[in-house]
């Protein structure tokens, strides 16, 4: 019988670029691994089972009548196909084992992250401390408090336990405002400008009924947010619902077409790039209202966990250089995406074989692509490199770490994710040199305004087309960057040595000049 870690010999990998490769296919509870020793150098293919979207048994008559085919459609744009001889029930066993470990929730099995026991020098779960992050922003202050009103997740089950709220709003008023907002996601602060006190506030849409129902408490609440910023008498409400940004279903269907027909997608990228254009342009408008207009901004989409997260986090990345550091970006993701309840489980489908679920959507991929676009326009403004962004997306799907599991902080707490799984940041922060941009210059107080124009947007070849061997550079880019980082470190050490030598020489010359001079003493 085929075991979960047994190999199937004489398997054909049908490569769309270099033809058929014969080798051994090994399946574990985490990874599918194909190796062919018949090529020089040996050909190796591995797929994290968490990245599998669906499995299909297909006919492959061109490889013999007694041959069975297996097609794997992956969330990371791969589409590997295998063919092997029919022997008894081997095809059924291969299919069942892959299905069992790729979709563990369908089989009442735990996600692989709960089995992973690797230890790292740093605990990545400690990278984000909400109190410390709000303190860095200068909170609490006279107008804003850090509240535990949602500590048991009763006011809003998809919000974090700690929230920053206007200081003079009572709990009863807050609950009435929550009842008026979609999914009870009432307006809360994400970020505040250190000088003007203009704030980025996020929430769900107001529940306006056919009779144009109003909520006085909600209106007073927004007035309180306006009053908290003495530099402006305006409050900008940024409505990012589908009619003003994008139709989610179109986005979802477009992403499926990428997976099925990557080259067709490459020749028809307008919609995908137009979406990035809208996101970047929207975030620039928010950042400009905050920085130049000194005006607080309230951002909401329908439920406040999809387009809202995209726009607020991009705007915060433009406004605050801290989030452009390696650790700061981790904090940004923990704050705006994870703690505020982006529905990662629903949007990605971890361990769930229902690939046709209408909840699937590549919203986080869109955000990371926008970040990459910004790194192309400002190559020295970000401490992290391209490999870091690709690693984040790979582990969005892998289920190796607990970071992106489940839909909210409450769910992660109830599933004991923080104690029973490893954080992705534990892995990242144990080898920071791998993910560091050697061109990085830390300008603390500069605001980035990327050009939101189709002419300035690029196809992220290193992510979307990386599986095509013809598109890979002979020398991996990240290897060149590591070498640059070493060179930069050596040059910095030399500069420091020269500075010390210069200071020492200056000190000696000053002493020589003063040796023959009279000394005045006050009695």
Protein backbone atom coordinates (compact mmCIF):
# COMPACT_ATOMS: atom_id res chain seq x y z
CA UNK A 1 0.00 0.00 0.00
CA UNK A 2 1.07 3.54 -0.71
CA UNK A 3 2.19 5.29 2.47
CA UNK A 4 2.18 9.02 2.96
CA UNK A 5 5.96 9.12 2.69
CA UNK A 6 6.39 6.41 0.05
CA UNK A 7 7.67 7.07 -3.46
CA UNK A 8 5.93 6.18 -6.71
CA UNK A 9 8.52 5.23 -9.31
CA UNK A 10 8.43 5.70 -13.07
CA UNK A 11 6.26 8.81 -12.90
CA UNK A 12 6.28 11.27 -15.81
CA UNK A 13 6.22 14.99 -15.11
CA UNK A 14 4.76 16.69 -18.18
CA UNK A 15 6.65 19.98 -18.22
CA UNK A 16 5.15 22.64 -20.54
CA UNK A 17 8.62 24.12 -21.13
CA UNK A 18 11.09 21.25 -21.44
CA UNK A 19 9.00 18.17 -22.20
CA UNK A 20 8.53 14.96 -20.22
CA UNK A 21 10.78 14.08 -17.28
CA UNK A 22 10.72 10.60 -15.71
CA UNK A 23 11.38 10.18 -12.01
CA UNK A 24 10.00 9.41 -8.57
CA UNK A 25 7.02 11.13 -6.96
CA UNK A 26 7.02 11.34 -3.15
CA UNK A 27 4.07 12.57 -1.09
CA UNK A 28 4.32 13.58 2.57
CA UNK A 29 1.78 15.27 4.80
CA UNK A 30 3.29 18.66 3.85
CA UNK A 31 4.83 18.45 0.40
CA UNK A 32 4.70 16.76 -2.98
CA UNK A 33 8.23 16.08 -4.23
CA UNK A 34 9.25 14.95 -7.73
CA UNK A 35 12.85 14.13 -8.63
CA UNK A 36 14.36 13.00 -11.92
CA UNK A 37 17.96 11.77 -11.93
CA UNK A 38 17.90 11.21 -15.69
CA UNK A 39 18.66 14.85 -16.38
CA UNK A 40 21.88 16.74 -15.81
CA UNK A 41 21.60 18.51 -13.48
CA UNK A 42 18.86 16.44 -11.75
CA UNK A 43 15.39 17.94 -12.11
CA UNK A 44 13.51 18.63 -8.86
CA UNK A 45 9.97 19.91 -8.35
CA UNK A 46 8.28 20.39 -4.98
CA UNK A 47 4.84 21.74 -4.16
CA UNK A 48 3.58 22.67 -0.70
CA UNK A 49 0.27 20.84 -0.38
CA UNK A 50 -1.31 23.91 1.19
CA UNK A 51 -0.85 25.70 -2.15
CA UNK A 52 -3.07 23.19 -3.97
CA UNK A 53 -6.42 24.59 -5.05
CA UNK A 54 -7.83 21.47 -6.71
CA UNK A 55 -6.90 18.02 -8.02
CA UNK A 56 -8.14 16.52 -11.26
CA UNK A 57 -7.74 13.04 -12.72
CA UNK A 58 -7.20 13.46 -16.46
CA UNK A 59 -6.71 11.25 -19.50
CA UNK A 60 -3.22 11.16 -21.04
CA UNK A 61 -3.66 8.85 -24.04
CA UNK A 62 -0.56 10.20 -25.78
CA UNK A 63 1.57 8.47 -23.13
CA UNK A 64 0.01 5.01 -23.48
CA UNK A 65 -3.32 3.30 -22.92
CA UNK A 66 -2.42 2.08 -19.44
CA UNK A 67 -1.42 5.53 -18.24
CA UNK A 68 -3.30 7.70 -15.75
CA UNK A 69 -2.91 11.46 -15.51
CA UNK A 70 -3.04 13.80 -12.53
CA UNK A 71 -3.41 17.57 -12.88
CA UNK A 72 -2.76 19.85 -9.90
CA UNK A 73 -4.01 23.44 -9.96
CA UNK A 74 -2.15 25.58 -7.44
CA UNK A 75 -2.95 28.90 -5.80
CA UNK A 76 0.56 30.17 -6.61
CA UNK A 77 -0.10 29.93 -10.39
CA UNK A 78 1.53 26.55 -10.95
CA UNK A 79 -0.27 23.80 -12.83
CA UNK A 80 1.91 20.64 -12.70
CA UNK A 81 0.75 17.51 -14.53
CA UNK A 82 1.89 13.95 -13.94
CA UNK A 83 1.31 10.64 -15.68
CA UNK A 84 1.97 7.14 -14.35
CA UNK A 85 1.07 3.52 -15.02
CA UNK A 86 -2.22 2.14 -13.77
CA UNK A 87 -1.46 -0.63 -11.33
CA UNK A 88 -4.38 -1.91 -9.27
CA UNK A 89 -5.79 0.97 -7.24
CA UNK A 90 -2.61 3.07 -7.21
CA UNK A 91 -4.31 5.99 -8.94
CA UNK A 92 -7.07 6.09 -6.33
CA UNK A 93 -4.49 5.89 -3.55
CA UNK A 94 -2.40 8.74 -4.97
CA UNK A 95 -5.49 10.89 -5.38
CA UNK A 96 -6.79 10.08 -1.89
CA UNK A 97 -3.48 10.73 -0.15
CA UNK A 98 -2.99 14.04 -1.94
CA UNK A 99 -6.56 15.05 -1.15
CA UNK A 100 -6.17 14.00 2.48
CA UNK A 101 -3.12 16.18 3.13
CA UNK A 102 -3.91 19.05 0.75
CA UNK A 103 -7.43 19.45 2.20
CA UNK A 104 -7.11 18.26 5.82
CA UNK A 105 -10.22 20.10 7.04
CA UNK A 106 -12.32 17.93 4.70
CA UNK A 107 -10.93 14.88 6.51
CA UNK A 108 -11.17 16.25 10.07
CA UNK A 109 -7.40 16.56 10.27
CA UNK A 110 -5.43 19.50 11.70
CA UNK A 111 -3.66 21.98 9.46
CA UNK A 112 0.04 21.20 9.12
CA UNK A 113 1.03 24.27 11.15
CA UNK A 114 -0.17 22.46 14.28
CA UNK A 115 2.33 19.64 13.59
CA UNK A 116 5.29 21.87 12.77
CA UNK A 117 7.72 21.97 15.69
CA UNK A 118 10.74 23.87 14.39
CA UNK A 119 12.36 26.21 16.93
CA UNK A 120 13.90 29.59 16.14
CA UNK A 121 16.02 32.04 18.17
CA UNK A 122 13.21 34.61 18.21
CA UNK A 123 9.51 34.22 18.97
CA UNK A 124 7.75 35.89 16.05
CA UNK A 125 4.47 36.10 17.95
CA UNK A 126 6.07 38.86 20.05
CA UNK A 127 6.83 41.10 17.07
CA UNK A 128 3.46 42.82 17.44
CA UNK A 129 2.42 44.36 20.74
CA UNK A 130 -0.57 46.68 20.15
CA UNK A 131 0.15 48.80 23.23
CA UNK A 132 3.78 49.29 22.16
CA UNK A 133 2.75 50.13 18.59
CA UNK A 134 0.16 52.68 19.69
CA UNK A 135 2.67 54.14 22.15
CA UNK A 136 5.11 54.57 19.25
CA UNK A 137 2.39 56.61 17.56
CA UNK A 138 2.00 58.80 20.65
CA UNK A 139 -1.16 57.18 21.97
CA UNK A 140 -3.07 57.45 24.19
CA UNK A 141 -3.49 61.23 24.27
CA UNK A 142 -6.17 63.75 25.25
CA UNK A 143 -8.43 62.82 22.34
CA UNK A 144 -7.82 59.07 21.99
CA UNK A 145 -7.67 56.17 24.45
CA UNK A 146 -6.57 52.54 24.22
CA UNK A 147 -9.72 50.67 25.19
CA UNK A 148 -10.38 47.11 26.37
CA UNK A 149 -14.10 47.40 25.64
CA UNK A 150 -13.75 44.54 23.12
CA UNK A 151 -11.48 42.38 25.27
CA UNK A 152 -13.92 39.45 25.09
CA UNK A 153 -14.83 40.20 21.44
CA UNK A 154 -18.45 40.85 22.42
CA UNK A 155 -18.85 44.30 20.86
CA UNK A 156 -17.35 43.17 17.54
CA UNK A 157 -16.17 39.59 17.08
CA UNK A 158 -13.95 40.41 14.09
CA UNK A 159 -12.09 43.31 15.77
CA UNK A 160 -9.04 42.90 18.04
CA UNK A 161 -9.26 42.93 21.83
CA UNK A 162 -7.54 46.33 22.12
CA UNK A 163 -8.86 49.33 20.19
CA UNK A 164 -8.08 53.04 19.97
CA UNK A 165 -11.29 55.04 20.43
CA UNK A 166 -12.29 58.68 20.99
CA UNK A 167 -11.74 59.43 24.67
CA UNK A 168 -15.18 60.87 25.45
CA UNK A 169 -17.43 58.14 23.99
CA UNK A 170 -19.29 55.92 26.45
CA UNK A 171 -19.63 52.16 26.10
CA UNK A 172 -23.39 52.42 25.54
CA UNK A 173 -22.91 54.96 22.75
CA UNK A 174 -20.25 52.73 21.21
CA UNK A 175 -22.58 49.73 21.15
CA UNK A 176 -25.28 51.77 19.41
CA UNK A 177 -22.76 52.91 16.80
CA UNK A 178 -21.64 49.29 16.35
CA UNK A 179 -25.24 48.20 15.75
CA UNK A 180 -25.47 50.75 12.92
CA UNK A 181 -22.31 49.56 11.14
CA UNK A 182 -21.89 46.46 8.94
CA UNK A 183 -20.67 43.46 10.97
CA UNK A 184 -20.65 45.82 13.99
CA UNK A 185 -17.35 47.24 12.71
CA UNK A 186 -17.57 50.75 14.15
CA UNK A 187 -14.95 53.46 13.37
CA UNK A 188 -11.60 52.88 15.15
CA UNK A 189 -8.19 54.48 14.75
CA UNK A 190 -5.44 52.74 12.78
CA UNK A 191 -2.80 55.48 12.61
CA UNK A 192 -2.31 59.07 13.75
CA UNK A 193 0.01 61.73 12.35
CA UNK A 194 2.68 62.61 14.96
CA UNK A 195 2.37 66.37 14.34
CA UNK A 196 -1.04 67.30 12.95
CA UNK A 197 -2.98 64.56 14.80
CA UNK A 198 -4.85 63.77 11.58
CA UNK A 199 -5.93 60.14 11.83
CA UNK A 200 -6.66 57.18 9.59
CA UNK A 201 -9.87 55.58 10.87
CA UNK A 202 -11.41 52.37 9.52
CA UNK A 203 -14.87 50.80 9.80
CA UNK A 204 -17.66 48.93 8.02
CA UNK A 205 -20.29 50.66 5.92
CA UNK A 206 -23.27 52.35 7.60
CA UNK A 207 -26.48 50.32 7.61
CA UNK A 208 -28.64 52.78 5.70
CA UNK A 209 -32.05 51.28 4.98
CA UNK A 210 -34.64 52.06 2.29
CA UNK A 211 -36.09 54.83 4.45
CA UNK A 212 -32.64 56.48 4.59
CA UNK A 213 -32.39 55.61 8.27
CA UNK A 214 -29.92 57.67 10.31
CA UNK A 215 -28.13 57.04 13.57
CA UNK A 216 -27.58 60.10 15.76
CA UNK A 217 -24.98 58.30 17.87
CA UNK A 218 -23.00 57.43 14.74
CA UNK A 219 -23.10 61.05 13.59
CA UNK A 220 -21.97 62.30 17.01
CA UNK A 221 -19.22 59.68 17.00
CA UNK A 222 -17.90 60.95 13.66
CA UNK A 223 -18.11 64.51 14.96
CA UNK A 224 -15.96 63.45 17.92
CA UNK A 225 -13.36 62.08 15.49
CA UNK A 226 -13.44 65.38 13.62
CA UNK A 227 -13.04 67.37 16.85
CA UNK A 228 -10.01 65.29 17.84
CA UNK A 229 -8.05 67.00 15.06
CA UNK A 230 -7.74 70.70 15.87
CA UNK A 231 -5.89 71.41 12.61
CA UNK A 232 -8.89 70.83 10.35
CA UNK A 233 -12.63 71.45 10.35
CA UNK A 234 -13.23 68.68 7.81
CA UNK A 235 -13.50 64.89 7.96
CA UNK A 236 -12.91 62.99 4.73
CA UNK A 237 -14.96 59.81 4.33
CA UNK A 238 -13.38 57.51 1.75
CA UNK A 239 -15.98 55.09 0.38
CA UNK A 240 -14.24 52.06 -1.15
CA UNK A 241 -17.26 49.90 -1.86
CA UNK A 242 -17.45 47.82 -5.03
CA UNK A 243 -19.03 50.48 -7.19
CA UNK A 244 -16.14 52.85 -6.50
CA UNK A 245 -13.17 50.47 -6.55
CA UNK A 246 -13.77 47.09 -8.19
CA UNK A 247 -16.22 44.25 -8.49
CA UNK A 248 -14.89 41.48 -6.26
CA UNK A 249 -16.41 38.76 -8.40
CA UNK A 250 -14.65 40.09 -11.49
CA UNK A 251 -11.38 40.11 -9.56
CA UNK A 252 -11.93 36.56 -8.37
CA UNK A 253 -12.81 35.26 -11.84
CA UNK A 254 -9.88 37.12 -13.36
CA UNK A 255 -7.49 35.48 -10.92
CA UNK A 256 -8.85 32.03 -11.85
CA UNK A 257 -8.11 32.81 -15.49
CA UNK A 258 -4.52 33.57 -14.49
CA UNK A 259 -4.16 30.11 -13.04
CA UNK A 260 -5.72 28.36 -16.02
CA UNK A 261 -4.26 30.43 -18.85
CA UNK A 262 -1.24 32.36 -17.66
CA UNK A 263 -0.14 33.56 -21.09
CA UNK A 264 -3.62 34.65 -22.07
CA UNK A 265 -3.60 36.62 -18.84
CA UNK A 266 -0.25 38.17 -19.69
CA UNK A 267 -1.66 39.47 -22.96
CA UNK A 268 -4.73 40.93 -21.26
CA UNK A 269 -3.40 42.53 -18.09
CA UNK A 270 -5.35 45.77 -18.28
CA UNK A 271 -7.91 44.85 -15.65
CA UNK A 272 -5.29 43.57 -13.21
CA UNK A 273 -3.10 46.65 -13.63
CA UNK A 274 -6.09 49.00 -13.57
CA UNK A 275 -6.95 47.53 -10.19
CA UNK A 276 -3.44 48.32 -8.89
CA UNK A 277 -3.80 51.78 -10.36
CA UNK A 278 -7.02 52.37 -8.41
CA UNK A 279 -5.56 51.02 -5.17
CA UNK A 280 -2.38 53.09 -5.38
CA UNK A 281 -4.26 56.22 -6.47
CA UNK A 282 -6.73 55.78 -3.61
CA UNK A 283 -3.97 55.28 -1.04
CA UNK A 284 -2.10 58.34 -2.37
CA UNK A 285 -5.27 60.43 -1.94
CA UNK A 286 -5.62 59.23 1.65
CA UNK A 287 -1.95 59.92 2.41
CA UNK A 288 -2.16 63.37 0.84
CA UNK A 289 -5.28 64.29 2.82
CA UNK A 290 -3.46 63.30 6.00
CA UNK A 291 -0.04 64.83 5.23
CA UNK A 292 -0.85 67.94 3.19
CA UNK A 293 -4.47 68.56 4.12
CA UNK A 294 -3.97 67.69 7.82
CA UNK A 295 -7.44 66.13 7.59
CA UNK A 296 -8.56 62.92 9.29
CA UNK A 297 -9.84 60.21 6.95
CA UNK A 298 -12.46 57.51 7.59
CA UNK A 299 -12.08 54.54 5.21
CA UNK A 300 -14.72 51.89 4.71
CA UNK A 301 -15.75 49.33 2.11
CA UNK A 302 -18.70 46.99 2.60
CA UNK A 303 -17.63 45.05 5.69
CA UNK A 304 -14.35 46.83 6.39
CA UNK A 305 -11.96 43.89 6.08
CA UNK A 306 -11.03 43.74 2.36
CA UNK A 307 -10.51 46.93 0.35
CA UNK A 308 -10.35 48.89 3.59
CA UNK A 309 -7.28 46.91 4.68
CA UNK A 310 -5.68 47.36 1.26
CA UNK A 311 -6.10 51.14 1.30
CA UNK A 312 -5.28 51.88 4.94
CA UNK A 313 -2.14 49.72 4.97
CA UNK A 314 -0.85 51.19 1.69
CA UNK A 315 -1.48 54.73 2.96
CA UNK A 316 0.27 53.95 6.26
CA UNK A 317 3.21 52.53 4.31
CA UNK A 318 3.45 55.80 2.38
CA UNK A 319 3.17 57.98 5.49
CA UNK A 320 5.24 56.13 8.08
CA UNK A 321 8.84 55.07 7.37
CA UNK A 322 8.73 52.65 10.31
CA UNK A 323 6.44 50.34 8.34
CA UNK A 324 9.00 50.27 5.53
CA UNK A 325 11.54 48.53 7.79
CA UNK A 326 11.61 44.73 7.96
CA UNK A 327 10.13 44.46 11.42
CA UNK A 328 7.87 47.46 10.92
CA UNK A 329 6.25 45.85 7.88
CA UNK A 330 5.55 42.75 9.97
CA UNK A 331 3.83 45.00 12.52
CA UNK A 332 1.78 46.62 9.73
CA UNK A 333 0.50 43.23 8.55
CA UNK A 334 -0.29 42.14 12.10
CA UNK A 335 -2.12 45.40 12.80
CA UNK A 336 -4.10 46.17 9.66
CA UNK A 337 -4.65 42.71 8.18
CA UNK A 338 -4.52 40.15 10.97
CA UNK A 339 -5.79 41.90 14.10
CA UNK A 340 -8.51 43.76 12.20
CA UNK A 341 -9.92 40.56 10.78
CA UNK A 342 -9.14 40.18 7.11
CA UNK A 343 -10.76 36.82 6.36
CA UNK A 344 -7.64 34.90 5.37
CA UNK A 345 -9.24 31.48 5.81
CA UNK A 346 -12.18 32.41 3.59
CA UNK A 347 -10.18 34.30 0.97
CA UNK A 348 -7.36 31.72 0.68
CA UNK A 349 -9.17 28.51 1.63
CA UNK A 350 -6.56 26.93 3.91
CA UNK A 351 -7.09 23.17 3.99
CA UNK A 352 -10.43 23.49 2.22
CA UNK A 353 -10.99 21.64 -1.05
CA UNK A 354 -14.01 23.69 -2.13
CA UNK A 355 -12.11 25.65 -4.78
CA UNK A 356 -15.34 27.07 -6.23
CA UNK A 357 -16.23 28.84 -2.98
CA UNK A 358 -17.38 32.37 -3.82
CA UNK A 359 -15.41 33.71 -0.84
CA UNK A 360 -12.06 33.06 -2.56
CA UNK A 361 -10.30 36.26 -3.61
CA UNK A 362 -6.63 37.34 -4.04
CA UNK A 363 -6.97 40.59 -2.08
CA UNK A 364 -3.79 40.12 -0.04
CA UNK A 365 -1.83 39.22 -3.19
CA UNK A 366 -3.03 42.49 -4.74
CA UNK A 367 -1.79 44.41 -1.71
CA UNK A 368 1.65 42.75 -1.76
CA UNK A 369 1.92 43.42 -5.51
CA UNK A 370 1.18 47.10 -4.83
CA UNK A 371 3.95 47.10 -2.21
CA UNK A 372 6.30 45.60 -4.79
CA UNK A 373 5.31 48.32 -7.27
CA UNK A 374 6.28 50.89 -4.63
CA UNK A 375 9.66 49.23 -4.09
CA UNK A 376 10.30 49.58 -7.82
CA UNK A 377 9.60 53.31 -7.71
CA UNK A 378 11.52 53.85 -4.44
CA UNK A 379 14.30 51.21 -4.44
CA UNK A 380 16.13 52.62 -1.40
CA UNK A 381 13.09 53.37 0.78
CA UNK A 382 12.35 49.79 1.92
CA UNK A 383 14.52 47.69 4.20
CA UNK A 384 13.05 44.42 2.89
CA UNK A 385 13.76 42.94 -0.53
CA UNK A 386 11.73 41.14 -3.18
CA UNK A 387 12.51 37.71 -1.72
CA UNK A 388 10.81 38.76 1.52
CA UNK A 389 7.58 39.67 -0.29
CA UNK A 390 7.63 36.39 -2.25
CA UNK A 391 8.27 34.45 0.98
CA UNK A 392 5.27 36.13 2.62
CA UNK A 393 3.04 35.11 -0.30
CA UNK A 394 4.40 31.56 -0.40
CA UNK A 395 3.56 31.09 3.27
CA UNK A 396 0.19 32.73 2.82
CA UNK A 397 -0.69 29.36 1.25
CA UNK A 398 1.74 26.87 2.78
CA UNK A 399 0.01 26.30 6.17
CA UNK A 400 3.51 25.79 7.61
CA UNK A 401 3.13 28.73 9.99
CA UNK A 402 0.13 29.90 11.98
CA UNK A 403 0.37 33.56 10.99
CA UNK A 404 -2.28 33.67 8.25
CA UNK A 405 -4.61 30.99 9.58
CA UNK A 406 -8.29 31.69 10.36
CA UNK A 407 -10.43 34.77 9.86
CA UNK A 408 -9.91 36.85 12.99
CA UNK A 409 -7.96 37.37 16.17
CA UNK A 410 -10.79 35.78 18.13
CA UNK A 411 -10.61 32.59 16.04
CA UNK A 412 -6.82 32.40 16.41
CA UNK A 413 -7.16 32.79 20.17
CA UNK A 414 -9.84 30.10 20.40
CA UNK A 415 -7.79 27.70 18.24
CA UNK A 416 -4.68 28.41 20.38
CA UNK A 417 -2.69 29.41 17.31
CA UNK A 418 -0.31 31.60 19.33
CA UNK A 419 0.77 28.73 21.56
CA UNK A 420 0.45 25.72 19.25
CA UNK A 421 1.95 27.01 16.00
CA UNK A 422 5.06 28.89 14.90
CA UNK A 423 4.91 32.45 13.56
CA UNK A 424 6.23 33.19 10.08
CA UNK A 425 8.18 36.07 11.65
CA UNK A 426 10.16 33.58 13.77
CA UNK A 427 11.53 32.15 10.54
CA UNK A 428 12.05 35.53 8.83
CA UNK A 429 13.76 37.21 11.78
CA UNK A 430 16.15 34.29 12.25
CA UNK A 431 17.80 35.11 8.92
CA UNK A 432 17.26 38.80 8.32
CA UNK A 433 20.24 39.04 5.98
CA UNK A 434 18.30 36.92 3.46
CA UNK A 435 15.51 39.47 3.30
CA UNK A 436 17.41 42.77 3.63
CA UNK A 437 17.64 45.31 0.82
CA UNK A 438 21.28 46.47 0.48
CA UNK A 439 20.14 49.77 -1.08
CA UNK A 440 18.04 50.74 1.95
CA UNK A 441 18.47 54.23 3.39
CA UNK A 442 16.50 55.04 6.53
CA UNK A 443 14.87 58.43 5.99
CA UNK A 444 12.61 58.62 9.03
CA UNK A 445 10.27 61.46 8.14
CA UNK A 446 9.80 61.23 4.38
CA UNK A 447 6.41 60.53 2.80
CA UNK A 448 6.24 58.46 -0.38
CA UNK A 449 3.86 59.39 -3.17
CA UNK A 450 4.14 56.70 -5.85
CA UNK A 451 3.07 57.63 -9.36
CA UNK A 452 -0.28 55.94 -9.93
CA UNK A 453 -0.05 55.56 -13.69
CA UNK A 454 -0.21 52.53 -15.97
CA UNK A 455 3.11 53.60 -17.51
CA UNK A 456 4.79 53.15 -14.12
CA UNK A 457 3.30 49.73 -13.31
CA UNK A 458 5.27 46.57 -14.09
CA UNK A 459 4.52 42.88 -14.32
CA UNK A 460 6.04 41.16 -11.29
CA UNK A 461 7.90 38.55 -13.32
CA UNK A 462 9.84 37.13 -10.36
CA UNK A 463 6.55 36.11 -8.74
CA UNK A 464 4.00 35.44 -11.47
CA UNK A 465 6.32 33.88 -14.06
CA UNK A 466 8.99 32.38 -11.80
CA UNK A 467 8.00 28.79 -12.62
CA UNK A 468 9.06 29.25 -16.23
CA UNK A 469 12.76 28.24 -16.32
CA UNK A 470 13.30 30.44 -19.38
CA UNK A 471 12.48 33.53 -17.30
CA UNK A 472 14.98 32.84 -14.52
CA UNK A 473 18.27 34.79 -14.43
CA UNK A 474 21.44 32.68 -14.49
CA UNK A 475 22.46 34.11 -11.13
CA UNK A 476 19.56 34.40 -8.63
CA UNK A 477 18.80 38.03 -7.87
CA UNK A 478 18.66 37.45 -4.12
CA UNK A 479 22.18 35.97 -4.24
CA UNK A 480 23.47 39.14 -5.90
CA UNK A 481 21.68 41.23 -3.29
CA UNK A 482 23.27 39.21 -0.48
CA UNK A 483 26.69 39.87 -1.97
CA UNK A 484 25.89 43.58 -2.18
CA UNK A 485 24.77 43.51 1.45
CA UNK A 486 28.10 41.98 2.52
CA UNK A 487 29.98 44.57 0.48
CA UNK A 488 27.90 47.37 2.01
CA UNK A 489 28.65 46.07 5.52
CA UNK A 490 32.38 45.91 4.79
CA UNK A 491 32.40 49.43 3.35
CA UNK A 492 30.44 50.74 6.35
CA UNK A 493 33.00 49.18 8.70
CA UNK A 494 35.80 50.87 6.74
CA UNK A 495 33.99 54.22 6.92
CA UNK A 496 33.59 53.83 10.69
CA UNK A 497 37.29 53.01 11.05
CA UNK A 498 38.29 56.09 9.05
CA UNK A 499 35.99 58.25 11.17
CA UNK A 500 37.60 56.91 14.35
CA UNK A 501 41.09 57.51 12.92
CA UNK A 502 40.14 61.04 11.92
CA UNK A 503 38.67 61.76 15.35
CA UNK A 504 41.78 60.36 17.04
CA UNK A 505 44.08 62.47 14.85
CA UNK A 506 42.02 65.57 15.56
CA UNK A 507 42.19 64.89 19.31
CA UNK A 508 45.99 64.48 19.22
CA UNK A 509 46.51 67.66 17.22
CA UNK A 510 44.27 69.61 19.59
CA UNK A 511 46.29 68.37 22.59
CA UNK A 512 49.56 69.44 20.94
CA UNK A 513 48.24 72.93 20.28
CA UNK A 514 47.20 73.40 23.90
CA UNK A 515 50.42 72.11 25.50
CA UNK A 516 52.30 75.46 25.24
CA UNK A 517 49.32 77.65 26.10
CA UNK A 518 48.85 79.26 29.55
CA UNK A 519 45.98 77.91 31.66
CA UNK A 520 43.64 80.29 33.46
CA UNK A 521 42.20 79.17 36.76
CA UNK A 522 39.35 80.88 38.54
CA UNK A 523 39.72 81.05 42.29
